[in-house]
C-alpha atoms as a PDB file:
ATOM      1  CA  MET A   1     194.822  56.008  56.160  1.00  0.00           C
ATOM      2  CA  THR A   2     193.888  56.564  52.653  1.00  0.00           C
ATOM      3  CA  VAL A   3     190.108  55.709  51.802  1.00  0.00           C
ATOM      4  CA  LYS A   4     189.691  53.820  48.545  1.00  0.00           C
ATOM      5  CA  VAL A   5     186.779  55.201  46.627  1.00  0.00           C
ATOM      6  CA  LEU A   6     185.394  52.747  43.949  1.00  0.00           C
ATOM      7  CA  GLY A   7     183.160  53.256  40.695  1.00  0.00           C
ATOM      8  CA  SER A   8     183.955  55.398  37.623  1.00  0.00           C
ATOM      9  CA  THR A   9     186.048  58.162  39.140  1.00  0.00           C
ATOM     10  CA  VAL A  10     187.841  60.418  37.083  1.00  0.00           C
ATOM     11  CA  ASP A  11     190.178  62.364  39.420  1.00  0.00           C
ATOM     12  CA  LYS A  12     191.531  62.497  42.822  1.00  0.00           C
ATOM     13  CA  TYR A  13     188.780  64.654  44.326  1.00  0.00           C
ATOM     14  CA  THR A  14     186.289  61.654  43.995  1.00  0.00           C
ATOM     15  CA  ARG A  15     184.441  63.315  41.109  1.00  0.00           C
ATOM     16  CA  CYS A  16     183.097  60.589  38.629  1.00  0.00           C
ATOM     17  CA  VAL A  17     181.697  60.425  34.967  1.00  0.00           C
ATOM     18  CA  HIS A  18     178.204  61.063  36.248  1.00  0.00           C
ATOM     19  CA  TYR A  19     179.054  64.012  38.461  1.00  0.00           C
ATOM     20  CA  HIS A  20     182.038  66.040  37.695  1.00  0.00           C
ATOM     21  CA  SER A  21     181.670  69.797  38.428  1.00  0.00           C
ATOM     22  CA  ASP A  22     184.012  71.696  40.562  1.00  0.00           C
ATOM     23  CA  ILE A  23     181.757  71.191  43.632  1.00  0.00           C
ATOM     24  CA  ASP A  24     181.164  67.290  43.008  1.00  0.00           C
ATOM     25  CA  ILE A  25     183.688  66.481  45.696  1.00  0.00           C
ATOM     26  CA  ILE A  26     182.159  64.048  47.918  1.00  0.00           C
ATOM     27  CA  ALA A  27     181.981  60.253  48.215  1.00  0.00           C
ATOM     28  CA  ILE A  28     179.662  58.092  50.157  1.00  0.00           C
ATOM     29  CA  LYS A  29     180.034  54.985  52.207  1.00  0.00           C
ATOM     30  CA  PHE A  30     177.159  52.878  51.197  1.00  0.00           C
ATOM     31  CA  HIS A  31     175.278  51.389  54.106  1.00  0.00           C
ATOM     32  CA  CYS A  32     174.899  48.261  52.217  1.00  0.00           C
ATOM     33  CA  CYS A  33     178.449  47.223  51.539  1.00  0.00           C
ATOM     34  CA  GLY A  34     180.470  49.738  53.585  1.00  0.00           C
ATOM     35  CA  LYS A  35     182.240  50.832  50.410  1.00  0.00           C
ATOM     36  CA  TYR A  36     182.868  54.446  49.307  1.00  0.00           C
ATOM     37  CA  TYR A  37     181.583  55.450  45.822  1.00  0.00           C
ATOM     38  CA  PRO A  38     181.261  58.890  44.389  1.00  0.00           C
ATOM     39  CA  CYS A  39     177.489  58.382  43.673  1.00  0.00           C
ATOM     40  CA  TYR A  40     174.436  56.021  43.548  1.00  0.00           C
ATOM     41  CA  GLN A  41     174.943  55.565  39.862  1.00  0.00           C
ATOM     42  CA  CYS A  42     178.529  54.371  40.402  1.00  0.00           C
ATOM     43  CA  HIS A  43     177.300  51.890  43.185  1.00  0.00           C
ATOM     44  CA  ASN A  44     174.668  50.743  40.927  1.00  0.00           C
ATOM     45  CA  GLU A  45     177.046  49.975  38.010  1.00  0.00           C
ATOM     46  CA  HIS A  46     179.936  48.609  40.023  1.00  0.00           C
ATOM     47  CA  ALA A  47     178.593  47.068  43.227  1.00  0.00           C
ATOM     48  CA  GLY A  48     176.477  44.177  41.993  1.00  0.00           C
ATOM     49  CA  HIS A  49     173.697  44.524  44.628  1.00  0.00           C
ATOM     50  CA  PRO A  50     170.968  46.927  45.591  1.00  0.00           C
ATOM     51  CA  ILE A  51     171.474  50.181  47.958  1.00  0.00           C
ATOM     52  CA  SER A  52     170.294  50.245  51.359  1.00  0.00           C
ATOM     53  CA  VAL A  53     169.951  53.512  52.997  1.00  0.00           C
ATOM     54  CA  TRP A  54     171.563  54.771  56.199  1.00  0.00           C
ATOM     55  CA  PRO A  55     168.969  54.475  59.068  1.00  0.00           C
ATOM     56  CA  LYS A  56     168.809  57.481  61.266  1.00  0.00           C
ATOM     57  CA  LYS A  57     170.067  55.546  64.133  1.00  0.00           C
ATOM     58  CA  ASP A  58     173.401  55.270  62.288  1.00  0.00           C
ATOM     59  CA  PHE A  59     173.892  58.899  61.487  1.00  0.00           C
ATOM     60  CA  GLN A  60     176.734  59.352  63.718  1.00  0.00           C
ATOM     61  CA  THR A  61     178.692  56.803  61.647  1.00  0.00           C
ATOM     62  CA  LYS A  62     181.444  58.207  59.323  1.00  0.00           C
ATOM     63  CA  ALA A  63     180.244  57.971  55.919  1.00  0.00           C
ATOM     64  CA  ILE A  64     180.961  61.000  53.920  1.00  0.00           C
ATOM     65  CA  LEU A  65     184.504  61.770  52.509  1.00  0.00           C
ATOM     66  CA  CYS A  66     185.385  65.156  51.496  1.00  0.00           C
ATOM     67  CA  GLY A  67     187.154  64.562  48.070  1.00  0.00           C
ATOM     68  CA  LYS A  68     189.576  67.718  48.713  1.00  0.00           C
ATOM     69  CA  CYS A  69     190.776  67.277  52.056  1.00  0.00           C
ATOM     70  CA  LYS A  70     189.916  63.460  52.590  1.00  0.00           C
ATOM     71  CA  THR A  71     188.201  64.351  55.960  1.00  0.00           C
ATOM     72  CA  GLU A  72     185.539  61.621  56.809  1.00  0.00           C
ATOM     73  CA  LEU A  73     182.313  63.413  58.012  1.00  0.00           C
ATOM     74  CA  THR A  74     179.535  61.652  60.137  1.00  0.00           C
ATOM     75  CA  ILE A  75     176.238  61.664  58.288  1.00  0.00           C
ATOM     76  CA  ASP A  76     174.895  64.100  60.669  1.00  0.00           C
ATOM     77  CA  GLU A  77     177.694  66.462  60.201  1.00  0.00           C
ATOM     78  CA  TYR A  78     177.553  66.214  56.535  1.00  0.00           C
ATOM     79  CA  LEU A  79     173.677  66.777  56.757  1.00  0.00           C
ATOM     80  CA  HIS A  80     174.226  69.804  58.822  1.00  0.00           C
ATOM     81  CA  SER A  81     177.131  71.401  56.885  1.00  0.00           C
ATOM     82  CA  TYR A  82     175.344  73.735  54.721  1.00  0.00           C
ATOM     83  CA  SER A  83     177.162  71.930  51.682  1.00  0.00           C
ATOM     84  CA  ILE A  84     180.548  73.184  53.036  1.00  0.00           C
ATOM     85  CA  CYS A  85     183.282  71.046  54.502  1.00  0.00           C
ATOM     86  CA  PRO A  86     183.778  71.682  58.218  1.00  0.00           C
ATOM     87  CA  GLU A  87     187.538  70.870  57.839  1.00  0.00           C
ATOM     88  CA  CYS A  88     188.850  72.705  54.477  1.00  0.00           C
ATOM     89  CA  HIS A  89     185.941  74.986  53.733  1.00  0.00           C
ATOM     90  CA  SER A  90     185.533  73.577  50.429  1.00  0.00           C
ATOM     91  CA  SER A  91     182.048  73.762  48.639  1.00  0.00           C
ATOM     92  CA  PHE A  92     179.951  70.552  48.048  1.00  0.00           C
ATOM     93  CA  ASN A  93     177.346  70.306  45.601  1.00  0.00           C
ATOM     94  CA  PRO A  94     174.118  71.472  47.283  1.00  0.00           C
ATOM     95  CA  GLY A  95     172.181  69.579  44.413  1.00  0.00           C
ATOM     96  CA  CYS A  96     173.159  66.272  46.206  1.00  0.00           C
ATOM     97  CA  GLN A  97     170.139  66.866  48.385  1.00  0.00           C
ATOM     98  CA  LEU A  98     167.977  65.776  45.756  1.00  0.00           C
ATOM     99  CA  HIS A  99     169.329  62.283  46.101  1.00  0.00           C
ATOM    100  CA  TYR A 100     169.241  61.998  49.977  1.00  0.00           C
ATOM    101  CA  HIS A 101     166.449  59.644  49.852  1.00  0.00           C
ATOM    102  CA  LEU A 102     168.616  57.152  48.113  1.00  0.00           C
ATOM    103  CA  TYR A 103     171.268  57.292  50.948  1.00  0.00           C
ATOM    104  CA  PHE A 104     169.643  58.135  53.970  1.00  0.00           C
ATOM    105  CA  GLU A 105     166.486  57.520  56.036  1.00  0.00           C
ATOM    106  CA  LYS A 106     164.086  60.275  56.039  1.00  0.00           C
END
């Protein structure tokens, strides 16, 4: 199954106009709409509604997409991945942690 990533994507690895370094290869399924976007800015520009964060009780939900191998990770798997895909071992941007509060309940 192919996962559709919405927003201002610039390549097949889910990089977007806002975040497009070699390690910006994840997309996030947003709790509010159940749709994947590369980042909160893409969501804000394209979704037409405010972001709601994932509650802790739902951290077993598959909501993170590795743009390299297309594996869907649970939120818990992602949060405990040390910024490395457990499937293909590609590096994720550790700077994404600065935005966790926009996606995940503390």
